[in-house]
Protein backbone atom coordinates (compact mmCIF):
# COMPACT_ATOMS: atom_id res chain seq x y z
CA UNK A 1 -45.78 -12.73 58.93
CA UNK A 2 -42.63 -10.71 58.32
CA UNK A 3 -42.17 -9.36 54.80
CA UNK A 4 -38.62 -8.88 53.52
CA UNK A 5 -37.90 -6.53 50.65
CA UNK A 6 -35.39 -8.99 49.18
CA UNK A 7 -34.57 -12.64 49.89
CA UNK A 8 -31.62 -12.85 52.28
CA UNK A 9 -29.10 -14.46 49.97
CA UNK A 10 -30.02 -12.95 46.58
CA UNK A 11 -26.86 -12.03 44.62
CA UNK A 12 -27.40 -8.30 44.21
CA UNK A 13 -26.01 -7.56 40.77
CA UNK A 14 -28.09 -9.99 38.70
CA UNK A 15 -30.75 -11.51 40.88
CA UNK A 16 -31.86 -8.51 42.93
CA UNK A 17 -34.03 -7.04 40.19
CA UNK A 18 -35.67 -10.40 39.56
CA UNK A 19 -36.22 -10.78 43.30
CA UNK A 20 -37.64 -7.28 43.45
CA UNK A 21 -40.05 -8.15 40.62
CA UNK A 22 -41.23 -11.11 42.70
CA UNK A 23 -41.76 -8.91 45.72
CA UNK A 24 -43.70 -6.34 43.70
CA UNK A 25 -45.88 -9.01 42.13
CA UNK A 26 -46.84 -10.33 45.56
CA UNK A 27 -47.24 -6.93 47.22
CA UNK A 28 -50.43 -4.98 47.67
CA UNK A 29 -50.93 -1.74 45.78
CA UNK A 30 -50.17 0.13 49.02
CA UNK A 31 -46.87 -1.71 49.49
CA UNK A 32 -45.85 -1.14 45.86
CA UNK A 33 -46.45 2.60 46.17
CA UNK A 34 -44.42 2.73 49.39
CA UNK A 35 -41.51 0.81 47.86
CA UNK A 36 -41.57 2.94 44.72
CA UNK A 37 -41.39 6.13 46.78
CA UNK A 38 -38.62 4.61 48.92
CA UNK A 39 -36.46 3.87 45.87
CA UNK A 40 -37.13 7.25 44.26
CA UNK A 41 -36.20 9.00 47.51
CA UNK A 42 -32.92 7.11 47.56
CA UNK A 43 -32.92 6.85 51.34
CA UNK A 44 -35.57 7.31 53.97
CA UNK A 45 -38.91 5.63 53.29
CA UNK A 46 -41.75 8.14 52.87
CA UNK A 47 -42.97 9.27 56.25
CA UNK A 48 -39.79 8.18 58.03
CA UNK A 49 -36.71 10.19 58.79
CA UNK A 50 -38.52 13.43 58.00
CA UNK A 51 -38.12 16.65 59.93
CA UNK A 52 -40.84 17.49 62.45
CA UNK A 53 -41.57 20.73 60.62
CA UNK A 54 -42.44 18.75 57.46
CA UNK A 55 -45.27 16.91 59.20
CA UNK A 56 -48.72 18.14 60.22
CA UNK A 57 -51.57 16.56 62.17
CA UNK A 58 -55.15 17.28 61.18
CA UNK A 59 -58.66 15.99 61.75
CA UNK A 60 -60.76 14.22 59.13
CA UNK A 61 -63.90 16.33 58.73
CA UNK A 62 -65.27 14.76 55.54
CA UNK A 63 -64.89 11.18 54.38
CA UNK A 64 -67.23 10.26 51.53
CA UNK A 65 -67.24 7.65 48.77
CA UNK A 66 -67.87 9.61 45.56
CA UNK A 67 -68.88 6.48 43.63
CA UNK A 68 -72.36 5.06 44.06
CA UNK A 69 -72.92 1.90 46.08
CA UNK A 70 -73.51 0.04 42.79
CA UNK A 71 -70.11 0.96 41.36
CA UNK A 72 -67.19 -1.45 41.30
CA UNK A 73 -64.96 1.53 42.14
CA UNK A 74 -64.38 3.21 45.50
CA UNK A 75 -62.97 6.73 45.50
CA UNK A 76 -62.90 8.42 48.88
CA UNK A 77 -63.07 12.19 49.19
CA UNK A 78 -61.03 13.09 52.27
CA UNK A 79 -61.12 16.54 53.87
CA UNK A 80 -58.63 17.27 56.65
CA UNK A 81 -58.86 20.37 58.85
CA UNK A 82 -55.86 21.90 60.59
CA UNK A 83 -56.77 24.02 63.65
CA UNK A 84 -53.44 25.87 63.49
CA UNK A 85 -53.77 26.47 59.75
CA UNK A 86 -53.21 24.22 56.77
CA UNK A 87 -49.63 23.86 55.51
CA UNK A 88 -48.93 25.68 52.22
CA UNK A 89 -50.01 23.73 49.15
CA UNK A 90 -51.08 24.21 45.55
CA UNK A 91 -53.13 22.34 42.93
CA UNK A 92 -50.07 20.24 41.94
CA UNK A 93 -49.34 19.13 45.51
CA UNK A 94 -49.67 15.63 46.90
CA UNK A 95 -50.24 14.43 50.44
CA UNK A 96 -48.22 11.69 52.09
CA UNK A 97 -50.60 10.08 54.57
CA UNK A 98 -48.18 8.63 57.12
CA UNK A 99 -50.24 8.03 60.25
CA UNK A 100 -53.79 7.45 61.49
CA UNK A 101 -54.85 8.09 65.10
CA UNK A 102 -51.28 8.01 66.36
CA UNK A 103 -50.25 4.87 64.50
CA UNK A 104 -47.62 5.03 61.77
CA UNK A 105 -47.91 3.42 58.35
CA UNK A 106 -46.16 3.28 54.98
CA UNK A 107 -46.91 6.51 53.16
CA UNK A 108 -50.09 6.56 51.10
CA UNK A 109 -49.72 9.23 48.40
CA UNK A 110 -52.94 11.17 47.72
CA UNK A 111 -53.45 13.92 45.13
CA UNK A 112 -54.65 17.25 46.47
CA UNK A 113 -58.18 18.11 45.30
CA UNK A 114 -58.70 21.61 46.70
CA UNK A 115 -57.42 25.17 46.69
CA UNK A 116 -56.50 26.73 50.00
CA UNK A 117 -57.98 29.95 48.66
CA UNK A 118 -61.41 28.30 48.72
CA UNK A 119 -61.29 25.81 51.61
CA UNK A 120 -59.17 27.90 54.02
CA UNK A 121 -57.54 25.74 56.71
CA UNK A 122 -58.47 22.43 55.12
CA UNK A 123 -56.94 20.25 52.46
CA UNK A 124 -59.02 17.88 50.35
CA UNK A 125 -57.70 14.79 48.59
CA UNK A 126 -58.92 11.78 46.62
CA UNK A 127 -58.10 8.26 47.70
CA UNK A 128 -58.96 5.49 45.22
CA UNK A 129 -59.34 2.27 47.18
CA UNK A 130 -58.37 -1.14 45.84
CA UNK A 131 -58.45 -4.54 47.53
CA UNK A 132 -54.78 -4.19 48.42
CA UNK A 133 -55.24 -1.06 50.52
CA UNK A 134 -58.82 -1.42 51.78
CA UNK A 135 -57.51 -1.83 55.34
CA UNK A 136 -56.21 1.73 55.38
CA UNK A 137 -59.52 3.08 54.09
CA UNK A 138 -61.34 1.20 56.85
CA UNK A 139 -59.12 2.72 59.55
CA UNK A 140 -60.10 6.28 58.66
CA UNK A 141 -63.23 7.71 60.26
CA UNK A 142 -64.75 11.14 60.72
CA UNK A 143 -62.76 12.66 63.55
CA UNK A 144 -59.66 10.55 62.89
CA UNK A 145 -56.38 12.33 63.58
CA UNK A 146 -54.16 11.89 60.55
CA UNK A 147 -50.47 12.65 60.20
CA UNK A 148 -49.56 14.02 56.79
CA UNK A 149 -46.78 15.65 54.86
CA UNK A 150 -47.79 17.92 51.96
CA UNK A 151 -45.25 18.35 49.19
CA UNK A 152 -44.83 19.29 45.57
CA UNK A 153 -44.54 16.51 43.01
CA UNK A 154 -41.67 16.91 40.58
CA UNK A 155 -42.57 16.90 36.91
CA UNK A 156 -46.26 17.79 37.19
CA UNK A 157 -47.05 21.45 36.67
CA UNK A 158 -50.25 23.39 36.14
CA UNK A 159 -50.28 26.98 34.86
CA UNK A 160 -49.83 29.52 37.65
CA UNK A 161 -50.90 32.47 35.50
CA UNK A 162 -54.71 32.75 35.81
CA UNK A 163 -54.98 34.26 32.34
CA UNK A 164 -53.59 31.13 30.67
CA UNK A 165 -56.03 28.86 28.84
CA UNK A 166 -55.85 25.34 30.25
CA UNK A 167 -56.93 21.93 28.94
CA UNK A 168 -57.30 19.30 31.68
CA UNK A 169 -57.59 15.57 30.98
CA UNK A 170 -58.50 13.53 34.06
CA UNK A 171 -59.63 9.93 34.36
CA UNK A 172 -61.33 8.75 37.55
CA UNK A 173 -59.30 9.96 40.58
CA UNK A 174 -57.00 11.74 38.15
CA UNK A 175 -59.51 14.58 38.22
CA UNK A 176 -58.28 15.66 41.69
CA UNK A 177 -55.78 18.36 40.66
CA UNK A 178 -58.31 19.82 38.24
CA UNK A 179 -60.85 20.35 41.00
CA UNK A 180 -58.06 22.12 42.90
CA UNK A 181 -57.11 24.22 39.88
CA UNK A 182 -60.72 25.15 39.13
CA UNK A 183 -61.20 26.32 42.72
CA UNK A 184 -57.94 28.27 42.56
CA UNK A 185 -58.83 30.02 39.31
CA UNK A 186 -62.34 30.82 40.57
CA UNK A 187 -60.90 32.42 43.72
CA UNK A 188 -58.45 34.46 41.63
CA UNK A 189 -61.08 35.54 39.12
CA UNK A 190 -59.07 33.91 36.34
CA UNK A 191 -59.58 35.34 32.88
CA UNK A 192 -58.26 32.31 31.03
CA UNK A 193 -60.50 29.65 29.55
CA UNK A 194 -60.57 26.12 30.98
CA UNK A 195 -61.65 22.86 29.35
CA UNK A 196 -62.01 19.59 31.25
CA UNK A 197 -62.12 16.12 29.71
CA UNK A 198 -63.29 13.63 32.34
CA UNK A 199 -63.42 9.86 32.03
CA UNK A 200 -65.09 7.26 34.22
CA UNK A 201 -66.83 3.93 33.91
CA UNK A 202 -70.54 4.77 34.27
CA UNK A 203 -72.36 8.10 34.28
CA UNK A 204 -74.77 7.15 37.05
CA UNK A 205 -72.17 5.60 39.37
CA UNK A 206 -68.77 7.15 38.67
CA UNK A 207 -69.17 10.84 37.79
CA UNK A 208 -66.88 12.25 40.49
CA UNK A 209 -67.86 15.74 41.71
CA UNK A 210 -70.64 15.90 39.11
CA UNK A 211 -72.65 18.67 40.81
CA UNK A 212 -69.53 20.75 41.38
CA UNK A 213 -68.61 20.61 37.71
CA UNK A 214 -72.12 21.62 36.73
CA UNK A 215 -71.91 24.58 39.12
CA UNK A 216 -68.49 25.53 37.73
CA UNK A 217 -69.88 25.52 34.20
CA UNK A 218 -72.76 27.69 35.35
CA UNK A 219 -70.52 30.29 37.02
CA UNK A 220 -67.98 30.10 34.15
CA UNK A 221 -65.06 29.07 36.37
CA UNK A 222 -65.03 26.10 33.97
CA UNK A 223 -65.52 27.08 30.34
CA UNK A 224 -66.43 23.70 28.91
CA UNK A 225 -66.45 20.00 29.74
CA UNK A 226 -66.49 16.78 27.76
CA UNK A 227 -67.10 13.42 29.42
CA UNK A 228 -66.62 9.79 28.45
CA UNK A 229 -68.05 6.81 30.34
CA UNK A 230 -66.46 3.65 29.06
CA UNK A 231 -69.08 1.14 30.24
CA UNK A 232 -72.28 2.97 29.29
CA UNK A 233 -72.43 1.46 25.79
CA UNK A 234 -71.38 -1.83 24.16
CA UNK A 235 -68.24 -0.31 22.63
CA UNK A 236 -65.65 1.25 24.91
CA UNK A 237 -65.51 5.05 24.74
CA UNK A 238 -62.76 6.86 26.63
CA UNK A 239 -61.40 10.38 26.91
CA UNK A 240 -59.12 9.60 23.98
CA UNK A 241 -62.21 9.32 21.78
CA UNK A 242 -63.52 12.66 23.01
CA UNK A 243 -60.15 14.27 22.24
CA UNK A 244 -60.40 13.03 18.67
CA UNK A 245 -64.04 14.10 18.40
CA UNK A 246 -62.98 17.63 19.35
CA UNK A 247 -59.66 17.65 17.49
CA UNK A 248 -60.23 20.88 15.55
CA UNK A 249 -61.11 22.92 18.63
CA UNK A 250 -58.50 21.14 20.73
CA UNK A 251 -55.69 22.06 18.36
CA UNK A 252 -57.03 25.61 18.03
CA UNK A 253 -56.75 26.01 21.81
CA UNK A 254 -53.21 24.61 21.76
CA UNK A 255 -52.17 26.90 18.91
CA UNK A 256 -53.54 29.88 20.84
CA UNK A 257 -51.20 29.06 23.74
CA UNK A 258 -53.22 26.77 26.01
CA UNK A 259 -51.44 24.54 28.51
CA UNK A 260 -52.46 20.88 28.62
CA UNK A 261 -52.02 18.17 31.22
CA UNK A 262 -53.07 14.57 31.69
CA UNK A 263 -53.71 12.86 35.03
CA UNK A 264 -54.74 9.21 34.79
CA UNK A 265 -53.62 5.64 35.31
CA UNK A 266 -50.65 4.79 33.06
CA UNK A 267 -52.68 2.95 30.41
CA UNK A 268 -55.32 5.68 30.23
CA UNK A 269 -52.65 8.38 30.12
CA UNK A 270 -50.92 6.63 27.23
CA UNK A 271 -54.18 6.41 25.27
CA UNK A 272 -54.90 10.09 25.90
CA UNK A 273 -51.38 11.14 24.89
CA UNK A 274 -51.57 9.06 21.70
CA UNK A 275 -54.94 10.63 20.87
CA UNK A 276 -53.49 14.09 21.45
CA UNK A 277 -50.65 13.36 19.02
CA UNK A 278 -53.08 11.95 16.45
CA UNK A 279 -55.38 14.97 16.80
CA UNK A 280 -52.50 17.34 16.12
CA UNK A 281 -51.29 15.21 13.19
CA UNK A 282 -54.78 15.13 11.65
CA UNK A 283 -55.44 18.85 11.99
CA UNK A 284 -51.96 19.96 10.98
CA UNK A 285 -51.73 17.34 8.19
CA UNK A 286 -48.36 16.18 9.49
CA UNK A 287 -46.83 12.89 10.60
CA UNK A 288 -47.27 11.57 14.12
CA UNK A 289 -43.52 12.05 14.60
CA UNK A 290 -43.88 15.75 13.89
CA UNK A 291 -46.98 15.94 16.09
CA UNK A 292 -45.13 14.15 18.88
CA UNK A 293 -42.39 16.75 18.54
CA UNK A 294 -44.98 19.48 19.02
CA UNK A 295 -46.10 17.86 22.28
CA UNK A 296 -42.46 17.49 23.36
CA UNK A 297 -41.95 21.16 22.60
CA UNK A 298 -44.95 22.05 24.74
CA UNK A 299 -43.43 20.05 27.59
CA UNK A 300 -40.12 21.90 27.28
CA UNK A 301 -42.04 25.19 27.43
CA UNK A 302 -43.90 24.09 30.56
CA UNK A 303 -47.18 23.78 28.64
CA UNK A 304 -47.58 19.99 28.85
CA UNK A 305 -47.25 17.66 31.82
CA UNK A 306 -48.49 14.25 32.86
CA UNK A 307 -49.12 12.49 36.16
CA UNK A 308 -50.01 8.85 36.69
CA UNK A 309 -52.72 8.37 39.28
């Protein structure tokens, strides 16, 4: 069946947005991401019309579901090796997956989950899999040749100075850039403190990279970690609750100059941001408007950023 982005005879000025809403409602998650990137780019769809030098081909050398078989989540850890050397990338980078074994596809945007300083000529990424894009996940195998473009994502920044204290709030696959940043800071011998808040559904099934975080705490490349598993008790507990539990220390870190970022699905990110504002308001005995202004000021200074995963 052929899918059209818009019905043929939709009057553009008034009806196009309504028609687009209909298309998005019927589209898979993969198709929605592709269309969103197409509109943001204002021209060529992701993975099309790009220069040859922007694109690299690598081999999948690791492909592992980080959730247990009893989880209702699937989060694939993907490691791609580049015999000629990995393209330059940093903890904030994303990967446009645009081809598998010679076949092209709408771009699938994956967050980088590694530091080149630690994994050399590889790049690691996380790929959460939903029903709408399960076909792509099934096409990838160990040894698959994948065509990718690695790029920076505007608006999401992590501290480049290794001496900066950093607070990282990641929910589910949103933890990807924080694994990359932790590896980067370990390789650099970073002197700054780091604090990770991680959220998932169940401790036994959904604790992504659990052993790595425990090792990072042991070698002090991660200073501290708080976790929240929303389905491990009758009442829902999320990272926003942990932020409020630790409000005094959280605000003390911020006041000492720490950078803070959030990487989560939109709803989870909103809850975390609201909890951050409330924590500041409670500790500083100010209104939420004033506390929100403090967060906005951090953003203008490059000390706060947010990415939706």
